[in-house]
Amino acid sequence: MIQPAPLPTRFRALDAWRGICAGLVVLFHVPVLHIGKDWPAFANLQLGVDFFFVLSGFVISHAYQDRLASSAEARGFIVARFRRLWPMHVMVLGAFVVLELAKLAYASINPSFAVEAAPFSTGRAPLEILTNLAFLQSFGLHPGLSWNGPAWSIAVEFWTSLVFLAVILWWPRARRETFLALALGSALILALVSPTTLFVSSDWGFVRCLLGFAVGCLVYDLRLRYSLPARLLGWYEVGIALVAFAFMALVPEGLLHLLAPLVFGVLVFVFSFEGGPASALLRTRIPQALGRWSFAIYMTHAFLFQILRTGGSFLDQKLGLVRMVMHNGDKVVIIGGPWQAAAMLVLIPAVVIAVGAFFHRYVEVPFSGKARPGTVNRTAAMSGAGPAPQRA
């Protein structure tokens, strides 16, 4: 390795990777029955969330590692994190509550006609609104995910960023050792409490986030000290991208999934140099747009899918279509044959992307204080969280 060059203000190739991983998570959640639902590796699309955690550790380190030395700066950091995550979270949570109120109103008019599930039942209970508002829904207080399921990751990420703040304020000279201890300790805890799967969320999600985030912080420290030969960056980019996709496609659930943050850490390290053809492709218009919209896409897609399930269940019972079925514990819709299902797997994500772009522009940007495209606002741009440009 050679001595590193100055780091850029933004890592645009990594922005695009965030959009790719947000798309993988959306694809996993699409409530359409298709052949992929029965492939063992299909569940690994959820590893996109672990990429978010690693990238968040890397990006927050880049934005704040040398800028947190006083109580005023610490307060600014907490405010920035809160503004980055909470407004979009509350907006989507409110949409879910309105949907439940609509179901309740309909049930009062026609109590004999059920709509998918009873209003404000488990997972949509009024008490769970309070825990969601406080980012506490992922600490074992509920039997499973509640309200906007994907929001579990931003909840734990908020608290994990406070752990980062504590490390930088109290142990700045031992931050590498501290983050290493946090990564190893988190991996050990997950191996003990959930040896069969890394896909914990409402119970041990904070530990899962801490593992990926700490790895991201360590990768950033390596990025400060080392570089890669420019002439080989193209090969490195293709190689680690293939390794990452092969890992997701081939590695079964179990203890080996604990290696996912390391794989993603290498990917973040390599693509942070932005020196190969793959990075050049990722810096083009469409990947960059998906990267900008990724946080809004991630936060809103579950609500859109809930509308599909609720509306589908209503039409199923009203018209006797028998199109809504339970598959692996999830309510999904049957859309004709494989070609029709494939078409829906294109159409539905397209709608999700369009809605995400809308919410990015009219909710995420105004409330988080982020700069619009084409303007310079390093602090805001680097303070974002899963799945937005430099969601950290």
Protein backbone atom coordinates (compact mmCIF):
# COMPACT_ATOMS: atom_id res chain seq x y z
CA MET A 1 0.00 0.00 0.00
CA ILE A 2 1.02 3.59 -0.63
CA GLN A 3 0.41 6.74 1.33
CA PRO A 4 -3.22 7.96 1.08
CA ALA A 5 -4.32 10.98 -0.91
CA PRO A 6 -6.59 13.63 0.66
CA LEU A 7 -10.12 12.36 1.23
CA PRO A 8 -13.00 13.82 -0.78
CA THR A 9 -15.83 15.77 0.84
CA ARG A 10 -18.31 13.16 -0.37
CA PHE A 11 -17.98 9.55 -1.42
CA ARG A 12 -20.32 9.55 -4.39
CA ALA A 13 -19.75 5.92 -5.36
CA LEU A 14 -20.76 4.89 -1.84
CA ASP A 15 -23.90 7.01 -2.18
CA ALA A 16 -24.86 4.85 -5.14
CA TRP A 17 -24.10 1.65 -3.24
CA ARG A 18 -26.53 2.80 -0.58
CA GLY A 19 -29.20 3.10 -3.27
CA ILE A 20 -28.40 -0.40 -4.53
CA CYS A 21 -28.73 -1.91 -1.05
CA ALA A 22 -31.95 -0.01 -0.38
CA GLY A 23 -33.29 -1.52 -3.59
CA LEU A 24 -32.34 -5.02 -2.42
CA VAL A 25 -34.23 -4.51 0.84
CA VAL A 26 -37.29 -3.26 -1.05
CA LEU A 27 -37.12 -6.28 -3.37
CA PHE A 28 -37.10 -8.58 -0.35
CA HIS A 29 -40.23 -6.95 1.06
CA VAL A 30 -42.29 -6.76 -2.16
CA PRO A 31 -45.53 -8.59 -1.20
CA VAL A 32 -45.83 -10.57 -4.44
CA LEU A 33 -45.54 -14.35 -4.51
CA HIS A 34 -42.77 -15.35 -6.92
CA ILE A 35 -40.28 -18.16 -7.28
CA GLY A 36 -37.53 -16.23 -5.52
CA LYS A 37 -39.47 -16.26 -2.25
CA ASP A 38 -38.54 -19.93 -1.86
CA TRP A 39 -34.84 -19.57 -2.64
CA PRO A 40 -32.78 -19.85 0.57
CA ALA A 41 -30.54 -16.96 -0.51
CA PHE A 42 -33.51 -14.64 -1.02
CA ALA A 43 -33.54 -13.82 2.70
CA ASN A 44 -29.97 -12.56 2.35
CA LEU A 45 -31.26 -9.43 0.64
CA GLN A 46 -31.80 -8.23 4.19
CA LEU A 47 -28.02 -7.94 4.50
CA GLY A 48 -28.42 -4.63 2.73
CA VAL A 49 -29.30 -3.22 6.16
CA ASP A 50 -25.92 -4.36 7.48
CA PHE A 51 -24.25 -2.49 4.63
CA PHE A 52 -26.12 0.63 5.82
CA PHE A 53 -24.66 0.19 9.29
CA VAL A 54 -21.09 -0.21 8.03
CA LEU A 55 -21.38 2.77 5.72
CA SER A 56 -22.93 4.87 8.48
CA GLY A 57 -19.94 4.22 10.75
CA PHE A 58 -17.59 5.17 7.92
CA VAL A 59 -19.49 8.33 6.93
CA ILE A 60 -20.12 9.61 10.46
CA SER A 61 -16.45 9.10 11.26
CA HIS A 62 -15.53 11.11 8.16
CA ALA A 63 -17.93 13.91 9.06
CA TYR A 64 -17.45 14.16 12.80
CA GLN A 65 -14.41 12.30 14.11
CA ASP A 66 -12.30 15.47 14.28
CA ARG A 67 -15.15 17.87 15.04
CA LEU A 68 -16.43 16.67 18.41
CA ALA A 69 -14.35 18.21 21.17
CA SER A 70 -16.81 20.28 23.20
CA SER A 71 -20.28 20.05 24.69
CA ALA A 72 -21.61 22.53 22.10
CA GLU A 73 -20.31 20.38 19.24
CA ALA A 74 -21.77 17.29 20.92
CA ARG A 75 -25.20 18.95 21.14
CA GLY A 76 -24.94 19.96 17.49
CA PHE A 77 -24.15 16.37 16.56
CA ILE A 78 -27.17 15.01 18.46
CA VAL A 79 -29.46 17.62 16.92
CA ALA A 80 -28.15 16.84 13.44
CA ARG A 81 -28.72 13.12 13.93
CA PHE A 82 -32.21 13.72 15.28
CA ARG A 83 -33.18 16.04 12.45
CA ARG A 84 -31.77 13.57 9.96
CA LEU A 85 -33.85 10.63 11.15
CA TRP A 86 -36.91 11.69 13.13
CA PRO A 87 -38.99 13.85 10.71
CA MET A 88 -39.23 11.18 8.02
CA HIS A 89 -39.84 8.56 10.69
CA VAL A 90 -42.72 10.53 12.22
CA MET A 91 -44.24 11.32 8.82
CA VAL A 92 -44.45 7.64 7.85
CA LEU A 93 -45.55 6.61 11.34
CA GLY A 94 -48.38 9.13 11.08
CA ALA A 95 -49.42 7.63 7.75
CA PHE A 96 -49.62 4.19 9.37
CA VAL A 97 -51.76 5.59 12.19
CA VAL A 98 -54.13 7.21 9.68
CA LEU A 99 -54.45 3.86 7.90
CA GLU A 100 -55.37 2.14 11.17
CA LEU A 101 -57.92 4.87 11.94
CA ALA A 102 -59.47 4.32 8.51
CA LYS A 103 -59.72 0.60 9.24
CA LEU A 104 -61.28 1.35 12.62
CA ALA A 105 -63.84 3.68 11.04
CA TYR A 106 -64.75 1.08 8.43
CA ALA A 107 -65.08 -1.63 11.07
CA SER A 108 -67.51 0.56 13.04
CA ILE A 109 -69.68 0.91 9.92
CA ASN A 110 -69.49 -2.72 8.85
CA PRO A 111 -68.26 -4.86 11.76
CA SER A 112 -68.91 -8.10 9.90
CA PHE A 113 -66.32 -7.32 7.26
CA ALA A 114 -62.71 -7.66 8.39
CA VAL A 115 -59.92 -5.77 6.65
CA GLU A 116 -56.69 -7.81 6.78
CA ALA A 117 -56.20 -7.42 10.55
CA ALA A 118 -58.02 -5.80 13.46
CA PRO A 119 -57.25 -2.08 13.79
CA PHE A 120 -54.56 -1.24 16.34
CA SER A 121 -53.77 -4.90 17.01
CA THR A 122 -50.35 -6.34 17.87
CA GLY A 123 -47.65 -4.49 15.97
CA ARG A 124 -49.96 -1.48 15.61
CA ALA A 125 -50.89 -0.95 19.26
CA PRO A 126 -51.29 2.62 20.59
CA LEU A 127 -48.56 2.08 23.19
CA GLU A 128 -46.16 1.18 20.41
CA ILE A 129 -46.63 4.66 18.94
CA LEU A 130 -44.85 6.06 21.99
CA THR A 131 -41.92 3.66 21.80
CA ASN A 132 -41.57 4.38 18.08
CA LEU A 133 -41.56 8.13 18.70
CA ALA A 134 -38.75 7.62 21.22
CA PHE A 135 -36.73 5.30 18.95
CA LEU A 136 -37.18 2.51 21.52
CA GLN A 137 -39.05 -0.06 19.44
CA SER A 138 -35.97 -2.23 18.90
CA PHE A 139 -34.99 -2.98 22.50
CA GLY A 140 -37.12 -6.04 23.20
CA LEU A 141 -40.15 -4.08 24.39
CA HIS A 142 -42.44 -5.70 21.81
CA PRO A 143 -42.76 -9.27 20.52
CA GLY A 144 -41.79 -8.21 17.02
CA LEU A 145 -41.52 -5.29 14.63
CA SER A 146 -44.10 -2.57 15.09
CA TRP A 147 -45.72 0.07 12.87
CA ASN A 148 -43.16 0.94 10.18
CA GLY A 149 -41.04 -2.19 10.40
CA PRO A 150 -37.90 -0.93 8.59
CA ALA A 151 -37.67 1.99 11.04
CA TRP A 152 -36.14 -0.39 13.58
CA SER A 153 -32.76 0.17 11.92
CA ILE A 154 -32.80 3.96 12.12
CA ALA A 155 -33.91 3.72 15.76
CA VAL A 156 -30.90 1.64 16.77
CA GLU A 157 -28.66 3.71 14.53
CA PHE A 158 -29.61 6.84 16.43
CA TRP A 159 -28.55 5.28 19.73
CA THR A 160 -25.44 3.78 18.14
CA SER A 161 -24.39 7.24 16.97
CA LEU A 162 -24.56 8.34 20.62
CA VAL A 163 -22.15 5.51 21.45
CA PHE A 164 -19.87 6.92 18.75
CA LEU A 165 -20.16 10.36 20.35
CA ALA A 166 -19.19 8.96 23.74
CA VAL A 167 -16.14 7.20 22.31
CA ILE A 168 -14.91 10.29 20.46
CA LEU A 169 -15.45 12.57 23.48
CA TRP A 170 -14.13 10.33 26.24
CA TRP A 171 -11.61 8.00 24.62
CA PRO A 172 -10.37 9.76 21.45
CA ARG A 173 -6.85 8.35 21.72
CA ALA A 174 -8.16 4.82 22.18
CA ARG A 175 -10.94 5.01 19.62
CA ARG A 176 -9.46 2.28 17.41
CA GLU A 177 -9.15 -0.12 20.30
CA THR A 178 -12.62 0.81 21.57
CA PHE A 179 -14.31 0.29 18.21
CA LEU A 180 -12.47 -3.00 17.79
CA ALA A 181 -13.69 -4.12 21.21
CA LEU A 182 -17.24 -3.05 20.36
CA ALA A 183 -17.14 -4.98 17.07
CA LEU A 184 -15.74 -8.14 18.63
CA GLY A 185 -18.05 -7.92 21.65
CA SER A 186 -21.11 -7.40 19.47
CA ALA A 187 -20.19 -10.34 17.25
CA LEU A 188 -19.74 -12.53 20.33
CA ILE A 189 -23.10 -11.50 21.78
CA LEU A 190 -24.89 -12.19 18.49
CA ALA A 191 -23.17 -15.56 18.19
CA LEU A 192 -24.44 -16.49 21.65
CA VAL A 193 -28.00 -15.13 21.54
CA SER A 194 -28.78 -15.72 17.86
CA PRO A 195 -26.43 -18.35 16.39
CA THR A 196 -28.84 -19.30 13.60
CA THR A 197 -29.43 -15.88 12.07
CA LEU A 198 -28.05 -12.36 11.91
CA PHE A 199 -31.51 -11.03 11.04
CA VAL A 200 -32.42 -9.80 14.50
CA SER A 201 -34.30 -6.54 14.78
CA SER A 202 -36.83 -5.89 17.53
CA ASP A 203 -34.74 -7.63 20.21
CA TRP A 204 -31.00 -7.59 19.44
CA GLY A 205 -31.06 -5.07 16.62
CA PHE A 206 -28.97 -2.57 18.57
CA VAL A 207 -26.14 -5.09 18.87
CA ARG A 208 -26.40 -5.90 15.17
CA CYS A 209 -26.14 -2.21 14.35
CA LEU A 210 -23.22 -1.71 16.74
CA LEU A 211 -21.29 -4.49 15.01
CA GLY A 212 -21.61 -2.97 11.54
CA PHE A 213 -21.16 0.61 12.73
CA ALA A 214 -17.96 -0.21 14.65
CA VAL A 215 -16.56 -2.00 11.59
CA GLY A 216 -17.32 1.11 9.53
CA CYS A 217 -15.43 3.28 12.03
CA LEU A 218 -12.42 0.96 11.84
CA VAL A 219 -12.53 1.00 8.03
CA TYR A 220 -12.44 4.79 8.07
CA ASP A 221 -9.35 4.72 10.26
CA LEU A 222 -7.68 2.40 7.74
CA ARG A 223 -8.74 4.72 4.95
CA LEU A 224 -6.93 7.59 6.67
CA ARG A 225 -3.69 5.66 6.86
CA TYR A 226 -3.53 3.55 3.72
CA SER A 227 -4.19 3.76 0.01
CA LEU A 228 -4.40 1.37 -2.92
CA PRO A 229 -2.45 1.45 -6.20
CA ALA A 230 -4.48 3.50 -8.65
CA ARG A 231 -3.72 1.18 -11.56
CA LEU A 232 -5.35 -1.76 -9.74
CA LEU A 233 -8.45 -0.03 -8.41
CA GLY A 234 -10.60 -1.22 -11.30
CA TRP A 235 -9.76 -4.84 -10.52
CA TYR A 236 -10.25 -4.34 -6.81
CA GLU A 237 -13.68 -2.80 -7.37
CA VAL A 238 -14.91 -5.62 -9.58
CA GLY A 239 -13.41 -8.23 -7.28
CA ILE A 240 -14.96 -7.01 -4.03
CA ALA A 241 -18.32 -6.35 -5.72
CA LEU A 242 -18.37 -9.96 -6.94
CA VAL A 243 -17.36 -11.21 -3.50
CA ALA A 244 -20.14 -9.19 -1.84
CA PHE A 245 -22.82 -10.44 -4.23
CA ALA A 246 -21.51 -14.00 -3.99
CA PHE A 247 -21.65 -13.78 -0.21
CA MET A 248 -25.28 -12.69 -0.36
CA ALA A 249 -26.14 -15.37 -2.90
CA LEU A 250 -24.30 -18.33 -1.39
CA VAL A 251 -23.76 -17.98 2.35
CA PRO A 252 -26.65 -19.52 4.33
CA GLU A 253 -28.07 -18.03 7.50
CA GLY A 254 -25.96 -18.79 10.54
CA LEU A 255 -22.72 -17.77 12.16
CA LEU A 256 -21.03 -17.09 8.82
CA HIS A 257 -23.31 -14.08 8.42
CA LEU A 258 -21.26 -12.39 11.12
CA LEU A 259 -18.64 -11.94 8.39
CA ALA A 260 -21.01 -9.74 6.35
CA PRO A 261 -19.86 -6.47 7.98
CA LEU A 262 -16.26 -7.36 7.15
CA VAL A 263 -17.14 -8.03 3.50
CA PHE A 264 -19.03 -4.74 3.32
CA GLY A 265 -16.17 -3.00 5.11
CA VAL A 266 -13.76 -4.05 2.38
CA LEU A 267 -16.24 -2.91 -0.24
CA VAL A 268 -16.56 0.52 1.43
CA PHE A 269 -12.77 0.82 1.69
CA VAL A 270 -12.17 -0.01 -1.98
CA PHE A 271 -14.97 2.13 -3.42
CA SER A 272 -14.06 5.09 -1.20
CA PHE A 273 -11.12 5.70 -3.61
CA GLU A 274 -13.50 6.06 -6.56
CA GLY A 275 -10.70 5.25 -8.96
CA GLY A 276 -12.07 2.48 -11.16
CA PRO A 277 -14.61 2.10 -13.99
CA ALA A 278 -17.23 0.72 -11.59
CA SER A 279 -17.02 3.88 -9.49
CA ALA A 280 -17.30 5.99 -12.63
CA LEU A 281 -20.51 4.13 -13.51
CA LEU A 282 -21.86 4.61 -9.99
CA ARG A 283 -21.25 8.35 -10.26
CA THR A 284 -23.58 8.66 -13.23
CA ARG A 285 -27.03 10.25 -12.99
CA ILE A 286 -29.33 7.30 -12.25
CA PRO A 287 -27.23 5.59 -9.52
CA GLN A 288 -26.67 8.96 -7.89
CA ALA A 289 -30.38 9.71 -7.90
CA LEU A 290 -31.14 6.36 -6.28
CA GLY A 291 -28.50 7.14 -3.67
CA ARG A 292 -30.09 10.50 -2.89
CA TRP A 293 -33.54 8.96 -2.57
CA SER A 294 -32.47 5.80 -0.76
CA PHE A 295 -33.38 6.89 2.78
CA ALA A 296 -36.86 8.00 1.71
CA ILE A 297 -37.29 4.82 -0.34
CA TYR A 298 -36.27 2.70 2.62
CA MET A 299 -38.56 4.52 5.05
CA THR A 300 -41.71 4.65 2.90
CA HIS A 301 -41.78 1.31 1.09
CA ALA A 302 -43.31 -0.67 3.96
CA PHE A 303 -46.28 1.71 4.12
CA LEU A 304 -46.92 1.31 0.40
CA PHE A 305 -46.77 -2.44 0.77
CA GLN A 306 -49.15 -2.27 3.73
CA ILE A 307 -51.65 -0.40 1.56
CA LEU A 308 -51.29 -3.15 -1.05
CA ARG A 309 -51.94 -5.84 1.55
CA THR A 310 -54.89 -4.00 3.10
CA GLY A 311 -56.47 -3.15 -0.23
CA GLY A 312 -55.81 -6.65 -1.57
CA SER A 313 -57.42 -8.24 1.48
CA PHE A 314 -60.44 -5.95 1.11
CA LEU A 315 -60.90 -6.85 -2.56
CA ASP A 316 -60.26 -10.51 -1.83
CA GLN A 317 -63.17 -10.64 0.61
CA LYS A 318 -65.40 -8.25 -1.32
CA LEU A 319 -65.01 -9.88 -4.72
CA GLY A 320 -63.90 -13.37 -3.73
CA LEU A 321 -60.68 -13.13 -5.74
CA VAL A 322 -58.62 -15.37 -3.42
CA ARG A 323 -55.40 -13.62 -4.39
CA MET A 324 -53.99 -12.87 -0.93
CA VAL A 325 -52.19 -15.79 0.73
CA MET A 326 -49.85 -16.33 3.66
CA HIS A 327 -46.34 -17.39 2.66
CA ASN A 328 -43.55 -17.86 5.21
CA GLY A 329 -45.46 -15.73 7.71
CA ASP A 330 -46.02 -12.85 5.28
CA LYS A 331 -49.22 -11.88 3.47
CA VAL A 332 -48.51 -11.71 -0.26
CA VAL A 333 -50.54 -11.41 -3.44
CA ILE A 334 -50.62 -13.96 -6.24
CA ILE A 335 -50.18 -12.21 -9.61
CA GLY A 336 -50.91 -14.73 -12.36
CA GLY A 337 -47.94 -16.61 -13.80
CA PRO A 338 -44.19 -15.96 -13.62
CA TRP A 339 -44.21 -13.28 -16.33
CA GLN A 340 -46.93 -11.31 -14.58
CA ALA A 341 -45.08 -11.62 -11.27
CA ALA A 342 -41.87 -10.44 -12.95
CA ALA A 343 -43.72 -7.44 -14.36
CA MET A 344 -45.01 -6.56 -10.90
CA LEU A 345 -41.47 -6.83 -9.52
CA VAL A 346 -40.58 -4.04 -11.93
CA LEU A 347 -43.72 -1.94 -11.59
CA ILE A 348 -43.98 -1.97 -7.79
CA PRO A 349 -40.33 -0.89 -7.13
CA ALA A 350 -40.80 1.83 -9.77
CA VAL A 351 -43.74 3.20 -7.77
CA VAL A 352 -41.69 2.92 -4.57
CA ILE A 353 -38.84 4.88 -6.14
CA ALA A 354 -41.19 7.60 -7.35
CA VAL A 355 -42.74 7.96 -3.90
CA GLY A 356 -39.30 7.95 -2.30
CA ALA A 357 -38.15 10.73 -4.62
CA PHE A 358 -41.21 12.80 -3.64
CA PHE A 359 -40.64 12.34 0.10
CA HIS A 360 -36.93 13.04 -0.28
CA ARG A 361 -37.65 16.41 -1.86
CA TYR A 362 -40.57 17.54 0.29
CA VAL A 363 -39.85 15.94 3.68
CA GLU A 364 -36.27 14.75 4.00
CA VAL A 365 -34.50 17.78 2.55
CA PRO A 366 -36.56 20.54 4.22
CA PHE A 367 -36.65 19.00 7.70
CA SER A 368 -33.12 17.60 7.92
CA GLY A 369 -31.43 20.84 6.85
CA LYS A 370 -29.61 19.04 4.06
CA ALA A 371 -28.42 20.95 1.04
CA ARG A 372 -30.26 20.49 -2.22
CA PRO A 373 -28.29 18.94 -5.10
CA GLY A 374 -25.75 21.38 -6.44
CA THR A 375 -25.21 23.21 -3.15
CA VAL A 376 -22.51 22.73 -0.56
CA ASN A 377 -23.50 21.75 2.97
CA ARG A 378 -20.97 19.27 4.26
CA THR A 379 -22.31 18.98 7.80
CA ALA A 380 -25.86 18.29 6.76
CA ALA A 381 -24.90 16.00 3.91
CA MET A 382 -22.71 13.88 6.11
CA SER A 383 -25.14 13.59 8.99
CA GLY A 384 -27.64 11.28 7.34
CA ALA A 385 -28.62 7.67 8.12
CA GLY A 386 -30.02 2.91 5.84
CA PRO A 387 -30.27 3.07 3.91
CA ALA A 388 -29.97 9.27 1.44
CA PRO A 389 -26.85 10.86 0.28
CA GLN A 390 -24.26 9.80 2.80
CA ARG A 391 -26.91 8.49 5.15
CA ALA A 392 -24.89 8.12 8.33
